Amino acid sequence: MKYQTQKKFSLYVILIALSATFGPIYGLIFTSDWSLASLLPMTLDGVIGGILLWGGMIFLWPSRICAPLRRLSFPWHVVLLLALVALCIPLTGSISGSIQYGQFTPFLGFGPGWSLYLYILVITTLTVIIIQIAQVIGPRILANMLIGRYHDPVEEHRIFLFIDLIGSTALAQQLGDLGFQRLLTRIFFDIGRPVAEHGGEIHAYVGDEVIVTWQFTSGASEARCVRCFFAVRDLLRDNAETYERLFGTRPGIRAGLHGGPVIVSECGDTKKSIVYFGDTMNTSARLEGEAKRLEKDLVISQELLQSIEVPGEFKAEKLGSVILRGHDSPTSLVALSRKESGSVDH
């Protein structure tokens, strides 16, 4: 099971458990019958409703099938949320009634009335707002900001992957500023899935670059940080015909990969951001520049490579040591690439 899928299942179970409490809470607020015989069926309703509603939001909505819908503006997301709620409540009633009474009981009316729909809608709307905020700043960052972890600077060990679009200057001239930005928007949207599937967190979009980060042990485990780059590259290649049809080009990427200690801090007042400081960030950016200079797809520091068990499907090419801008001592570089099909190590 993929790392991201494991996280989704964990979140799914937690939300279903929370939903089990929503039914009794509704009963306590809107009905006068507080007996156990009344609250238990409402608990069942909460569980079934949670399975349907959160299943749709966690598994169906982020899927490839719904990708065209996710590209719509936020008001359309709200409309689709209303449709999902309107569908889940009758289904919940039918399934719950079938379990309690042993036969299928269509639930086509409004049952307890508009109060139930408004109650569920408020809960799901608040959830969607939280999800939207988390998508802007990242769920981990949001959680840490809420508990005040980064109010004072702290040190963390992290891995950074700087991904750059190849030939961006020529593409900007070819497509114009508006067309080039549309291309970037499409690419940034598409690569979110492989990044998430490999446990990565998109820290920032800077021009035509994407900065992806992992907690060090998570990114090094199973070589997720390496696999992520090649998964993104494969996605762009698999969709090359679509990009060519829409934008007249087949985009390619290169990247630099490095890890180590960074200082993390919450900065700003009217506009807050989580900022990473330190040599690790600078080195990661410089390695992306070296990938461009050396015309390599992925350049990784020897220091980070020693902490990663690189799978046999990849090969490492030592590039020697260079003194990166801003450094006094040399940094050993390695290029990683995928082995050709059928190649054999000697």
C-alpha atoms as a PDB file:
ATOM      1  CA  MET A   1       0.000   0.000   0.000  1.00  0.00           C
ATOM      2  CA  LYS A   2       1.371   3.427  -0.957  1.00  0.00           C
ATOM      3  CA  TYR A   3       2.387   5.851   1.763  1.00  0.00           C
ATOM      4  CA  GLN A   4      -0.298   8.378   0.816  1.00  0.00           C
ATOM      5  CA  THR A   5      -2.977   5.665   0.715  1.00  0.00           C
ATOM      6  CA  GLN A   6      -2.039   4.593   4.248  1.00  0.00           C
ATOM      7  CA  LYS A   7      -2.431   8.185   5.430  1.00  0.00           C
ATOM      8  CA  LYS A   8      -5.812   8.441   3.708  1.00  0.00           C
ATOM      9  CA  PHE A   9      -7.101   5.268   5.362  1.00  0.00           C
ATOM     10  CA  SER A  10      -5.930   6.499   8.765  1.00  0.00           C
ATOM     11  CA  LEU A  11      -7.718   9.827   8.235  1.00  0.00           C
ATOM     12  CA  TYR A  12     -10.796   7.964   6.953  1.00  0.00           C
ATOM     13  CA  VAL A  13     -11.038   5.834  10.103  1.00  0.00           C
ATOM     14  CA  ILE A  14     -10.634   8.895  12.346  1.00  0.00           C
ATOM     15  CA  LEU A  15     -13.356  10.834  10.506  1.00  0.00           C
ATOM     16  CA  ILE A  16     -15.750   7.866  10.633  1.00  0.00           C
ATOM     17  CA  ALA A  17     -15.156   7.619  14.384  1.00  0.00           C
ATOM     18  CA  LEU A  18     -15.926  11.329  14.715  1.00  0.00           C
ATOM     19  CA  SER A  19     -19.023  10.920  12.540  1.00  0.00           C
ATOM     20  CA  ALA A  20     -20.282   8.267  14.957  1.00  0.00           C
ATOM     21  CA  THR A  21     -20.603  11.065  17.528  1.00  0.00           C
ATOM     22  CA  PHE A  22     -22.348  13.475  15.140  1.00  0.00           C
ATOM     23  CA  GLY A  23     -25.562  11.425  15.122  1.00  0.00           C
ATOM     24  CA  PRO A  24     -26.089  11.444  18.914  1.00  0.00           C
ATOM     25  CA  ILE A  25     -25.070  15.120  19.048  1.00  0.00           C
ATOM     26  CA  TYR A  26     -27.751  15.905  16.494  1.00  0.00           C
ATOM     27  CA  GLY A  27     -30.256  13.976  18.598  1.00  0.00           C
ATOM     28  CA  LEU A  28     -29.282  15.866  21.743  1.00  0.00           C
ATOM     29  CA  ILE A  29     -29.613  19.233  19.987  1.00  0.00           C
ATOM     30  CA  PHE A  30     -32.705  18.801  17.848  1.00  0.00           C
ATOM     31  CA  THR A  31     -34.841  16.120  19.570  1.00  0.00           C
ATOM     32  CA  SER A  32     -36.303  15.718  23.021  1.00  0.00           C
ATOM     33  CA  ASP A  33     -35.764  11.958  23.133  1.00  0.00           C
ATOM     34  CA  TRP A  34     -32.406  11.352  24.841  1.00  0.00           C
ATOM     35  CA  SER A  35     -32.983   7.671  25.502  1.00  0.00           C
ATOM     36  CA  LEU A  36     -30.379   5.051  24.608  1.00  0.00           C
ATOM     37  CA  ALA A  37     -32.868   3.403  22.246  1.00  0.00           C
ATOM     38  CA  SER A  38     -33.034   6.663  20.284  1.00  0.00           C
ATOM     39  CA  LEU A  39     -29.356   7.601  20.356  1.00  0.00           C
ATOM     40  CA  LEU A  40     -28.002   4.203  19.213  1.00  0.00           C
ATOM     41  CA  PRO A  41     -29.723   4.348  15.774  1.00  0.00           C
ATOM     42  CA  MET A  42     -28.385   7.900  15.393  1.00  0.00           C
ATOM     43  CA  THR A  43     -24.890   6.567  16.097  1.00  0.00           C
ATOM     44  CA  LEU A  44     -25.402   4.016  13.333  1.00  0.00           C
ATOM     45  CA  ASP A  45     -26.575   6.815  11.032  1.00  0.00           C
ATOM     46  CA  GLY A  46     -23.420   8.768  11.851  1.00  0.00           C
ATOM     47  CA  VAL A  47     -21.166   5.820  11.026  1.00  0.00           C
ATOM     48  CA  ILE A  48     -22.900   5.029   7.727  1.00  0.00           C
ATOM     49  CA  GLY A  49     -23.055   8.685   6.753  1.00  0.00           C
ATOM     50  CA  GLY A  50     -19.375   9.057   7.578  1.00  0.00           C
ATOM     51  CA  ILE A  51     -18.465   6.048   5.443  1.00  0.00           C
ATOM     52  CA  LEU A  52     -20.325   7.510   2.462  1.00  0.00           C
ATOM     53  CA  LEU A  53     -19.496  11.201   2.834  1.00  0.00           C
ATOM     54  CA  TRP A  54     -15.841  10.980   3.857  1.00  0.00           C
ATOM     55  CA  GLY A  55     -15.282   8.123   1.422  1.00  0.00           C
ATOM     56  CA  GLY A  56     -16.398  10.421  -1.369  1.00  0.00           C
ATOM     57  CA  MET A  57     -14.272  13.332  -0.140  1.00  0.00           C
ATOM     58  CA  ILE A  58     -11.105  11.381   0.701  1.00  0.00           C
ATOM     59  CA  PHE A  59     -10.976   8.743  -2.040  1.00  0.00           C
ATOM     60  CA  LEU A  60     -13.244   9.800  -4.913  1.00  0.00           C
ATOM     61  CA  TRP A  61     -12.655  13.566  -4.986  1.00  0.00           C
ATOM     62  CA  PRO A  62      -8.809  13.379  -5.149  1.00  0.00           C
ATOM     63  CA  SER A  63      -8.904  10.603  -7.771  1.00  0.00           C
ATOM     64  CA  ARG A  64      -8.009  10.950 -11.445  1.00  0.00           C
ATOM     65  CA  ILE A  65     -11.698  10.654 -12.310  1.00  0.00           C
ATOM     66  CA  CYS A  66     -12.478  13.922 -10.519  1.00  0.00           C
ATOM     67  CA  ALA A  67      -9.385  15.803 -11.738  1.00  0.00           C
ATOM     68  CA  PRO A  68     -11.430  17.876 -14.261  1.00  0.00           C
ATOM     69  CA  LEU A  69     -13.819  18.854 -11.446  1.00  0.00           C
ATOM     70  CA  ARG A  70     -10.970  19.879  -9.137  1.00  0.00           C
ATOM     71  CA  ARG A  71      -9.761  22.283 -11.808  1.00  0.00           C
ATOM     72  CA  LEU A  72     -13.037  24.215 -11.488  1.00  0.00           C
ATOM     73  CA  SER A  73     -13.219  27.321  -9.311  1.00  0.00           C
ATOM     74  CA  PHE A  74     -14.092  27.084  -5.609  1.00  0.00           C
ATOM     75  CA  PRO A  75     -17.825  28.020  -6.016  1.00  0.00           C
ATOM     76  CA  TRP A  76     -18.250  24.899  -8.129  1.00  0.00           C
ATOM     77  CA  HIS A  77     -16.615  22.888  -5.361  1.00  0.00           C
ATOM     78  CA  VAL A  78     -19.332  24.138  -3.026  1.00  0.00           C
ATOM     79  CA  VAL A  79     -22.055  23.116  -5.501  1.00  0.00           C
ATOM     80  CA  LEU A  80     -20.559  19.648  -5.776  1.00  0.00           C
ATOM     81  CA  LEU A  81     -20.369  19.445  -1.981  1.00  0.00           C
ATOM     82  CA  LEU A  82     -24.079  20.263  -1.746  1.00  0.00           C
ATOM     83  CA  ALA A  83     -24.828  17.531  -4.278  1.00  0.00           C
ATOM     84  CA  LEU A  84     -22.728  15.022  -2.308  1.00  0.00           C
ATOM     85  CA  VAL A  85     -24.506  15.870   0.958  1.00  0.00           C
ATOM     86  CA  ALA A  86     -27.921  15.689  -0.734  1.00  0.00           C
ATOM     87  CA  LEU A  87     -27.031  12.222  -2.043  1.00  0.00           C
ATOM     88  CA  CYS A  88     -25.457  10.826   1.127  1.00  0.00           C
ATOM     89  CA  ILE A  89     -28.273  11.652   3.550  1.00  0.00           C
ATOM     90  CA  PRO A  90     -31.017   9.636   1.746  1.00  0.00           C
ATOM     91  CA  LEU A  91     -28.572   6.783   1.157  1.00  0.00           C
ATOM     92  CA  THR A  92     -27.648   6.794   4.825  1.00  0.00           C
ATOM     93  CA  GLY A  93     -31.299   6.613   5.799  1.00  0.00           C
ATOM     94  CA  SER A  94     -31.952   3.738   3.409  1.00  0.00           C
ATOM     95  CA  ILE A  95     -28.941   1.690   4.486  1.00  0.00           C
ATOM     96  CA  SER A  96     -29.498   2.351   8.180  1.00  0.00           C
ATOM     97  CA  GLY A  97     -33.175   1.444   7.901  1.00  0.00           C
ATOM     98  CA  SER A  98     -32.310  -1.751   6.044  1.00  0.00           C
ATOM     99  CA  ILE A  99     -29.889  -2.787   8.804  1.00  0.00           C
ATOM    100  CA  GLN A 100     -32.333  -1.991  11.616  1.00  0.00           C
ATOM    101  CA  TYR A 101     -35.443  -3.506  10.054  1.00  0.00           C
ATOM    102  CA  GLY A 102     -33.903  -6.272   7.940  1.00  0.00           C
ATOM    103  CA  GLN A 103     -35.270  -5.046   4.640  1.00  0.00           C
ATOM    104  CA  PHE A 104     -34.575  -2.282   2.179  1.00  0.00           C
ATOM    105  CA  THR A 105     -36.386   0.882   3.160  1.00  0.00           C
ATOM    106  CA  PRO A 106     -36.186   3.675   0.575  1.00  0.00           C
ATOM    107  CA  PHE A 107     -35.522   7.021   2.209  1.00  0.00           C
ATOM    108  CA  LEU A 108     -36.653   9.511  -0.359  1.00  0.00           C
ATOM    109  CA  GLY A 109     -38.231  12.204   1.778  1.00  0.00           C
ATOM    110  CA  PHE A 110     -36.662  14.751   4.062  1.00  0.00           C
ATOM    111  CA  GLY A 111     -37.322  12.617   7.144  1.00  0.00           C
ATOM    112  CA  PRO A 112     -36.464  14.762  10.148  1.00  0.00           C
ATOM    113  CA  GLY A 113     -36.612  17.868   7.944  1.00  0.00           C
ATOM    114  CA  TRP A 114     -34.232  20.571   6.829  1.00  0.00           C
ATOM    115  CA  SER A 115     -32.453  20.649  10.188  1.00  0.00           C
ATOM    116  CA  LEU A 116     -30.592  17.412   9.375  1.00  0.00           C
ATOM    117  CA  TYR A 117     -29.430  18.695   5.984  1.00  0.00           C
ATOM    118  CA  LEU A 118     -28.286  22.004   7.459  1.00  0.00           C
ATOM    119  CA  TYR A 119     -26.527  20.216  10.321  1.00  0.00           C
ATOM    120  CA  ILE A 120     -24.573  17.939   7.980  1.00  0.00           C
ATOM    121  CA  LEU A 121     -23.930  20.803   5.566  1.00  0.00           C
ATOM    122  CA  VAL A 122     -22.408  22.974   8.303  1.00  0.00           C
ATOM    123  CA  ILE A 123     -20.102  20.129   9.381  1.00  0.00           C
ATOM    124  CA  THR A 124     -18.964  19.320   5.852  1.00  0.00           C
ATOM    125  CA  THR A 125     -18.590  22.993   4.878  1.00  0.00           C
ATOM    126  CA  LEU A 126     -16.313  23.622   7.847  1.00  0.00           C
ATOM    127  CA  THR A 127     -14.348  20.521   6.878  1.00  0.00           C
ATOM    128  CA  VAL A 128     -13.983  21.716   3.277  1.00  0.00           C
ATOM    129  CA  ILE A 129     -12.811  25.148   4.458  1.00  0.00           C
ATOM    130  CA  ILE A 130     -10.176  23.491   6.644  1.00  0.00           C
ATOM    131  CA  ILE A 131      -9.142  21.292   3.712  1.00  0.00           C
ATOM    132  CA  GLN A 132      -8.848  24.348   1.452  1.00  0.00           C
ATOM    133  CA  ILE A 133      -6.661  26.127   4.015  1.00  0.00           C
ATOM    134  CA  ALA A 134      -4.559  22.986   4.437  1.00  0.00           C
ATOM    135  CA  GLN A 135      -4.088  22.782   0.660  1.00  0.00           C
ATOM    136  CA  VAL A 136      -2.764  26.349   0.620  1.00  0.00           C
ATOM    137  CA  ILE A 137      -0.249  26.021   3.443  1.00  0.00           C
ATOM    138  CA  GLY A 138      -0.027  22.225   3.832  1.00  0.00           C
ATOM    139  CA  PRO A 139      -1.762  20.028   6.436  1.00  0.00           C
ATOM    140  CA  ARG A 140       1.393  19.483   8.485  1.00  0.00           C
ATOM    141  CA  ILE A 141       2.196  23.200   8.515  1.00  0.00           C
ATOM    142  CA  LEU A 142      -1.402  24.035   9.463  1.00  0.00           C
ATOM    143  CA  ALA A 143      -1.343  21.606  12.386  1.00  0.00           C
ATOM    144  CA  ASN A 144       2.019  22.920  13.609  1.00  0.00           C
ATOM    145  CA  MET A 145       0.876  26.534  13.326  1.00  0.00           C
ATOM    146  CA  LEU A 146      -2.245  25.762  15.363  1.00  0.00           C
ATOM    147  CA  ILE A 147      -0.170  24.286  18.184  1.00  0.00           C
ATOM    148  CA  GLY A 148       2.415  27.065  17.916  1.00  0.00           C
ATOM    149  CA  ARG A 149       5.356  24.805  17.098  1.00  0.00           C
ATOM    150  CA  TYR A 150       7.036  27.339  14.812  1.00  0.00           C
ATOM    151  CA  HIS A 151       6.251  30.466  16.821  1.00  0.00           C
ATOM    152  CA  ASP A 152       9.889  30.332  17.919  1.00  0.00           C
ATOM    153  CA  PRO A 153      12.494  29.023  15.428  1.00  0.00           C
ATOM    154  CA  VAL A 154      13.177  25.282  15.668  1.00  0.00           C
ATOM    155  CA  GLU A 155      15.669  22.994  13.952  1.00  0.00           C
ATOM    156  CA  GLU A 156      14.491  20.080  11.829  1.00  0.00           C
ATOM    157  CA  HIS A 157      16.239  17.571   9.577  1.00  0.00           C
ATOM    158  CA  ARG A 158      14.585  17.638   6.177  1.00  0.00           C
ATOM    159  CA  ILE A 159      15.131  16.654   2.548  1.00  0.00           C
ATOM    160  CA  PHE A 160      14.501  19.144  -0.267  1.00  0.00           C
ATOM    161  CA  LEU A 161      13.858  18.434  -3.934  1.00  0.00           C
ATOM    162  CA  PHE A 162      14.131  21.477  -6.229  1.00  0.00           C
ATOM    163  CA  ILE A 163      12.330  20.685  -9.503  1.00  0.00           C
ATOM    164  CA  ASP A 164      12.880  22.985 -12.477  1.00  0.00           C
ATOM    165  CA  LEU A 165      11.140  23.108 -15.856  1.00  0.00           C
ATOM    166  CA  ILE A 166      13.606  22.594 -18.716  1.00  0.00           C
ATOM    167  CA  GLY A 167      13.736  25.369 -21.324  1.00  0.00           C
ATOM    168  CA  SER A 168      11.416  27.721 -19.447  1.00  0.00           C
ATOM    169  CA  THR A 169      12.857  30.876 -21.053  1.00  0.00           C
ATOM    170  CA  ALA A 170      12.238  29.584 -24.573  1.00  0.00           C
ATOM    171  CA  LEU A 171       8.781  28.349 -23.594  1.00  0.00           C
ATOM    172  CA  ALA A 172       7.870  31.757 -22.171  1.00  0.00           C
ATOM    173  CA  GLN A 173       8.872  33.388 -25.438  1.00  0.00           C
ATOM    174  CA  GLN A 174       7.007  30.781 -27.461  1.00  0.00           C
ATOM    175  CA  LEU A 175       3.774  30.818 -25.458  1.00  0.00           C
ATOM    176  CA  GLY A 176       3.758  34.360 -24.102  1.00  0.00           C
ATOM    177  CA  ASP A 177       3.413  35.182 -20.424  1.00  0.00           C
ATOM    178  CA  LEU A 178      -0.243  34.142 -20.173  1.00  0.00           C
ATOM    179  CA  GLY A 179       0.187  30.913 -22.121  1.00  0.00           C
ATOM    180  CA  PHE A 180       3.325  30.010 -20.174  1.00  0.00           C
ATOM    181  CA  GLN A 181       1.545  30.560 -16.870  1.00  0.00           C
ATOM    182  CA  ARG A 182      -1.301  28.315 -18.036  1.00  0.00           C
ATOM    183  CA  LEU A 183       1.264  25.621 -18.819  1.00  0.00           C
ATOM    184  CA  LEU A 184       2.837  25.991 -15.363  1.00  0.00           C
ATOM    185  CA  THR A 185      -0.578  25.894 -13.701  1.00  0.00           C
ATOM    186  CA  ARG A 186      -1.407  22.632 -15.489  1.00  0.00           C
ATOM    187  CA  ILE A 187       1.977  21.075 -14.644  1.00  0.00           C
ATOM    188  CA  PHE A 188       1.816  22.126 -10.987  1.00  0.00           C
ATOM    189  CA  PHE A 189      -1.697  20.693 -10.741  1.00  0.00           C
ATOM    190  CA  ASP A 190      -0.711  17.380 -12.323  1.00  0.00           C
ATOM    191  CA  ILE A 191       2.432  16.736 -10.283  1.00  0.00           C
ATOM    192  CA  GLY A 192       0.615  17.081  -6.972  1.00  0.00           C
ATOM    193  CA  ARG A 193      -0.521  13.458  -7.113  1.00  0.00           C
ATOM    194  CA  PRO A 194       2.886  11.740  -7.451  1.00  0.00           C
ATOM    195  CA  VAL A 195       4.342  14.084  -4.829  1.00  0.00           C
ATOM    196  CA  ALA A 196       1.599  13.168  -2.366  1.00  0.00           C
ATOM    197  CA  GLU A 197       1.853   9.464  -3.210  1.00  0.00           C
ATOM    198  CA  HIS A 198       5.509   9.544  -2.178  1.00  0.00           C
ATOM    199  CA  GLY A 199       4.849  11.369   1.067  1.00  0.00           C
ATOM    200  CA  GLY A 200       6.209  14.690  -0.183  1.00  0.00           C
ATOM    201  CA  GLU A 201       4.962  18.113   0.775  1.00  0.00           C
ATOM    202  CA  ILE A 202       5.052  20.982  -1.713  1.00  0.00           C
ATOM    203  CA  HIS A 203       6.673  23.854   0.160  1.00  0.00           C
ATOM    204  CA  ALA A 204       6.488  26.512  -2.550  1.00  0.00           C
ATOM    205  CA  TYR A 205       6.152  27.354  -6.222  1.00  0.00           C
ATOM    206  CA  VAL A 206       8.882  29.798  -7.221  1.00  0.00           C
ATOM    207  CA  GLY A 207       8.635  30.913 -10.828  1.00  0.00           C
ATOM    208  CA  ASP A 208       8.961  27.711 -12.840  1.00  0.00           C
ATOM    209  CA  GLU A 209      10.353  25.763  -9.873  1.00  0.00           C
ATOM    210  CA  VAL A 210       8.628  23.516  -7.355  1.00  0.00           C
ATOM    211  CA  ILE A 211      10.184  22.925  -3.933  1.00  0.00           C
ATOM    212  CA  VAL A 212       9.215  19.584  -2.381  1.00  0.00           C
ATOM    213  CA  THR A 213      10.224  18.586   1.133  1.00  0.00           C
ATOM    214  CA  TRP A 214      10.142  15.561   3.450  1.00  0.00           C
ATOM    215  CA  GLN A 215      10.974  14.929   7.059  1.00  0.00           C
ATOM    216  CA  PHE A 216      14.427  13.368   6.662  1.00  0.00           C
ATOM    217  CA  THR A 217      13.688   9.794   7.741  1.00  0.00           C
ATOM    218  CA  SER A 218      10.417   9.725   5.793  1.00  0.00           C
ATOM    219  CA  GLY A 219      11.978  10.983   2.559  1.00  0.00           C
ATOM    220  CA  ALA A 220      14.973   8.648   2.847  1.00  0.00           C
ATOM    221  CA  SER A 221      12.822   5.613   3.669  1.00  0.00           C
ATOM    222  CA  GLU A 222      12.291   3.433   0.586  1.00  0.00           C
ATOM    223  CA  ALA A 223      14.077   6.201  -1.363  1.00  0.00           C
ATOM    224  CA  ARG A 224      10.797   8.124  -1.556  1.00  0.00           C
ATOM    225  CA  CYS A 225      12.522  11.398  -2.414  1.00  0.00           C
ATOM    226  CA  VAL A 226      14.264   9.741  -5.389  1.00  0.00           C
ATOM    227  CA  ARG A 227      11.224   7.809  -6.540  1.00  0.00           C
ATOM    228  CA  CYS A 228       9.165  10.995  -6.359  1.00  0.00           C
ATOM    229  CA  PHE A 229      11.262  12.775  -8.973  1.00  0.00           C
ATOM    230  CA  PHE A 230      11.036   9.896 -11.443  1.00  0.00           C
ATOM    231  CA  ALA A 231       7.299   9.499 -10.780  1.00  0.00           C
ATOM    232  CA  VAL A 232       6.793  13.177 -11.651  1.00  0.00           C
ATOM    233  CA  ARG A 233       8.934  12.798 -14.773  1.00  0.00           C
ATOM    234  CA  ASP A 234       6.986   9.676 -15.810  1.00  0.00           C
ATOM    235  CA  LEU A 235       3.689  11.502 -15.356  1.00  0.00           C
ATOM    236  CA  LEU A 236       4.807  14.339 -17.611  1.00  0.00           C
ATOM    237  CA  ARG A 237       5.986  11.850 -20.232  1.00  0.00           C
ATOM    238  CA  ASP A 238       2.748   9.857 -20.038  1.00  0.00           C
ATOM    239  CA  ASN A 239       0.781  13.065 -20.623  1.00  0.00           C
ATOM    240  CA  ALA A 240       3.155  14.457 -23.255  1.00  0.00           C
ATOM    241  CA  GLU A 241       0.589  14.231 -26.059  1.00  0.00           C
ATOM    242  CA  THR A 242      -1.956  16.159 -23.993  1.00  0.00           C
ATOM    243  CA  TYR A 243       0.574  18.905 -23.242  1.00  0.00           C
ATOM    244  CA  GLU A 244       1.555  19.092 -26.892  1.00  0.00           C
ATOM    245  CA  ARG A 245      -2.064  19.353 -27.980  1.00  0.00           C
ATOM    246  CA  LEU A 246      -2.850  22.079 -25.441  1.00  0.00           C
ATOM    247  CA  PHE A 247       0.424  24.010 -25.363  1.00  0.00           C
ATOM    248  CA  GLY A 248       2.490  22.836 -28.322  1.00  0.00           C
ATOM    249  CA  THR A 249       5.281  21.411 -26.168  1.00  0.00           C
ATOM    250  CA  ARG A 250       6.322  18.320 -24.233  1.00  0.00           C
ATOM    251  CA  PRO A 251       7.651  19.575 -20.903  1.00  0.00           C
ATOM    252  CA  GLY A 252      10.683  18.056 -19.196  1.00  0.00           C
ATOM    253  CA  ILE A 253      12.169  18.551 -15.755  1.00  0.00           C
ATOM    254  CA  ARG A 254      15.470  18.398 -13.896  1.00  0.00           C
ATOM    255  CA  ALA A 255      16.123  18.574 -10.177  1.00  0.00           C
ATOM    256  CA  GLY A 256      18.575  18.890  -7.314  1.00  0.00           C
ATOM    257  CA  LEU A 257      18.225  16.803  -4.141  1.00  0.00           C
ATOM    258  CA  HIS A 258      19.846  17.376  -0.776  1.00  0.00           C
ATOM    259  CA  GLY A 259      19.030  17.023   2.902  1.00  0.00           C
ATOM    260  CA  GLY A 260      20.192  18.104   6.321  1.00  0.00           C
ATOM    261  CA  PRO A 261      19.393  20.475   9.190  1.00  0.00           C
ATOM    262  CA  VAL A 262      17.269  23.562   8.601  1.00  0.00           C
ATOM    263  CA  ILE A 263      15.792  26.231  10.841  1.00  0.00           C
ATOM    264  CA  VAL A 264      12.005  26.489  10.559  1.00  0.00           C
ATOM    265  CA  SER A 265      10.187  29.611  11.697  1.00  0.00           C
ATOM    266  CA  GLU A 266       6.794  31.280  11.457  1.00  0.00           C
ATOM    267  CA  CYS A 267       7.278  34.734   9.958  1.00  0.00           C
ATOM    268  CA  GLY A 268       5.036  37.730   9.365  1.00  0.00           C
ATOM    269  CA  ASP A 269       2.033  39.392  10.956  1.00  0.00           C
ATOM    270  CA  THR A 270      -0.777  40.266   8.539  1.00  0.00           C
ATOM    271  CA  LYS A 271       0.498  37.521   6.210  1.00  0.00           C
ATOM    272  CA  LYS A 272       2.086  34.552   7.950  1.00  0.00           C
ATOM    273  CA  SER A 273       4.397  32.043   6.280  1.00  0.00           C
ATOM    274  CA  ILE A 274       6.530  29.130   7.377  1.00  0.00           C
ATOM    275  CA  VAL A 275      10.077  29.732   6.197  1.00  0.00           C
ATOM    276  CA  TYR A 276      13.071  27.396   6.023  1.00  0.00           C
ATOM    277  CA  PHE A 277      16.515  28.868   6.625  1.00  0.00           C
ATOM    278  CA  GLY A 278      19.984  27.386   6.362  1.00  0.00           C
ATOM    279  CA  ASP A 279      22.675  25.947   4.152  1.00  0.00           C
ATOM    280  CA  THR A 280      20.610  22.856   3.329  1.00  0.00           C
ATOM    281  CA  MET A 281      18.124  24.974   1.366  1.00  0.00           C
ATOM    282  CA  ASN A 282      20.885  26.859  -0.430  1.00  0.00           C
ATOM    283  CA  THR A 283      22.732  23.661  -1.333  1.00  0.00           C
ATOM    284  CA  SER A 284      19.559  22.049  -2.698  1.00  0.00           C
ATOM    285  CA  ALA A 285      18.992  25.056  -4.960  1.00  0.00           C
ATOM    286  CA  ARG A 286      22.629  25.021  -6.121  1.00  0.00           C
ATOM    287  CA  LEU A 287      22.368  21.309  -7.008  1.00  0.00           C
ATOM    288  CA  GLU A 288      19.436  22.075  -9.269  1.00  0.00           C
ATOM    289  CA  GLY A 289      21.690  24.602 -10.994  1.00  0.00           C
ATOM    290  CA  GLU A 290      24.396  21.953 -11.337  1.00  0.00           C
ATOM    291  CA  ALA A 291      21.863  19.587 -12.932  1.00  0.00           C
ATOM    292  CA  LYS A 292      21.235  22.270 -15.547  1.00  0.00           C
ATOM    293  CA  ARG A 293      24.944  22.937 -16.105  1.00  0.00           C
ATOM    294  CA  LEU A 294      25.818  19.248 -16.385  1.00  0.00           C
ATOM    295  CA  GLU A 295      22.639  18.397 -18.349  1.00  0.00           C
ATOM    296  CA  LYS A 296      21.580  15.712 -15.861  1.00  0.00           C
ATOM    297  CA  ASP A 297      18.030  14.863 -14.856  1.00  0.00           C
ATOM    298  CA  LEU A 298      18.656  14.477 -11.132  1.00  0.00           C
ATOM    299  CA  VAL A 299      21.724  15.551  -9.166  1.00  0.00           C
ATOM    300  CA  ILE A 300      21.972  14.472  -5.535  1.00  0.00           C
ATOM    301  CA  SER A 301      24.639  15.196  -2.951  1.00  0.00           C
ATOM    302  CA  GLN A 302      26.883  12.285  -1.992  1.00  0.00           C
ATOM    303  CA  GLU A 303      26.133  13.189   1.622  1.00  0.00           C
ATOM    304  CA  LEU A 304      22.414  12.537   1.191  1.00  0.00           C
ATOM    305  CA  LEU A 305      22.935   9.516  -1.054  1.00  0.00           C
ATOM    306  CA  GLN A 306      24.805   7.776   1.758  1.00  0.00           C
ATOM    307  CA  SER A 307      21.614   7.943   3.853  1.00  0.00           C
ATOM    308  CA  ILE A 308      19.419   6.406   1.151  1.00  0.00           C
ATOM    309  CA  GLU A 309      19.257   2.803   0.037  1.00  0.00           C
ATOM    310  CA  VAL A 310      18.883   3.368  -3.684  1.00  0.00           C
ATOM    311  CA  PRO A 311      16.760   0.674  -5.356  1.00  0.00           C
ATOM    312  CA  GLY A 312      18.369  -1.494  -8.020  1.00  0.00           C
ATOM    313  CA  GLU A 313      16.288   0.108 -10.767  1.00  0.00           C
ATOM    314  CA  PHE A 314      18.423   3.265 -10.517  1.00  0.00           C
ATOM    315  CA  LYS A 315      22.074   3.806 -11.325  1.00  0.00           C
ATOM    316  CA  ALA A 316      24.437   6.358  -9.808  1.00  0.00           C
ATOM    317  CA  GLU A 317      27.061   8.282 -11.764  1.00  0.00           C
ATOM    318  CA  LYS A 318      29.711  10.087  -9.741  1.00  0.00           C
ATOM    319  CA  LEU A 319      30.253  13.606 -11.008  1.00  0.00           C
ATOM    320  CA  GLY A 320      33.175  14.563  -8.811  1.00  0.00           C
ATOM    321  CA  SER A 321      33.324  17.458  -6.364  1.00  0.00           C
ATOM    322  CA  VAL A 322      32.598  21.112  -6.993  1.00  0.00           C
ATOM    323  CA  ILE A 323      32.706  24.214  -4.840  1.00  0.00           C
ATOM    324  CA  LEU A 324      29.159  25.548  -4.927  1.00  0.00           C
ATOM    325  CA  ARG A 325      28.522  29.269  -4.843  1.00  0.00           C
ATOM    326  CA  GLY A 326      28.651  30.487  -1.257  1.00  0.00           C
ATOM    327  CA  HIS A 327      30.616  27.426  -0.068  1.00  0.00           C
ATOM    328  CA  ASP A 328      34.241  27.206   1.011  1.00  0.00           C
ATOM    329  CA  SER A 329      34.535  23.414   0.822  1.00  0.00           C
ATOM    330  CA  PRO A 330      33.731  21.108  -2.127  1.00  0.00           C
ATOM    331  CA  THR A 331      30.496  19.135  -2.404  1.00  0.00           C
ATOM    332  CA  SER A 332      30.492  15.668  -3.978  1.00  0.00           C
ATOM    333  CA  LEU A 333      27.806  15.251  -6.622  1.00  0.00           C
ATOM    334  CA  VAL A 334      26.096  12.165  -8.031  1.00  0.00           C
ATOM    335  CA  ALA A 335      23.665  11.887 -10.947  1.00  0.00           C
ATOM    336  CA  LEU A 336      20.848   9.390 -10.578  1.00  0.00           C
ATOM    337  CA  SER A 337      19.048   7.895 -13.546  1.00  0.00           C
ATOM    338  CA  ARG A 338      16.828   4.930 -14.211  1.00  0.00           C
ATOM    339  CA  LYS A 339      18.531   1.885 -15.688  1.00  0.00           C
ATOM    340  CA  GLU A 340      17.604   0.946 -19.211  1.00  0.00           C
ATOM    341  CA  SER A 341      15.258  -2.019 -19.456  1.00  0.00           C
ATOM    342  CA  GLY A 342      17.240  -5.226 -19.532  1.00  0.00           C
ATOM    343  CA  SER A 343      20.526  -3.668 -18.399  1.00  0.00           C
ATOM    344  CA  VAL A 344      22.723  -5.819 -16.206  1.00  0.00           C
ATOM    345  CA  ASP A 345      25.179  -4.754 -13.511  1.00  0.00           C
ATOM    346  CA  HIS A 346      28.704  -6.088 -13.865  1.00  0.00           C
END
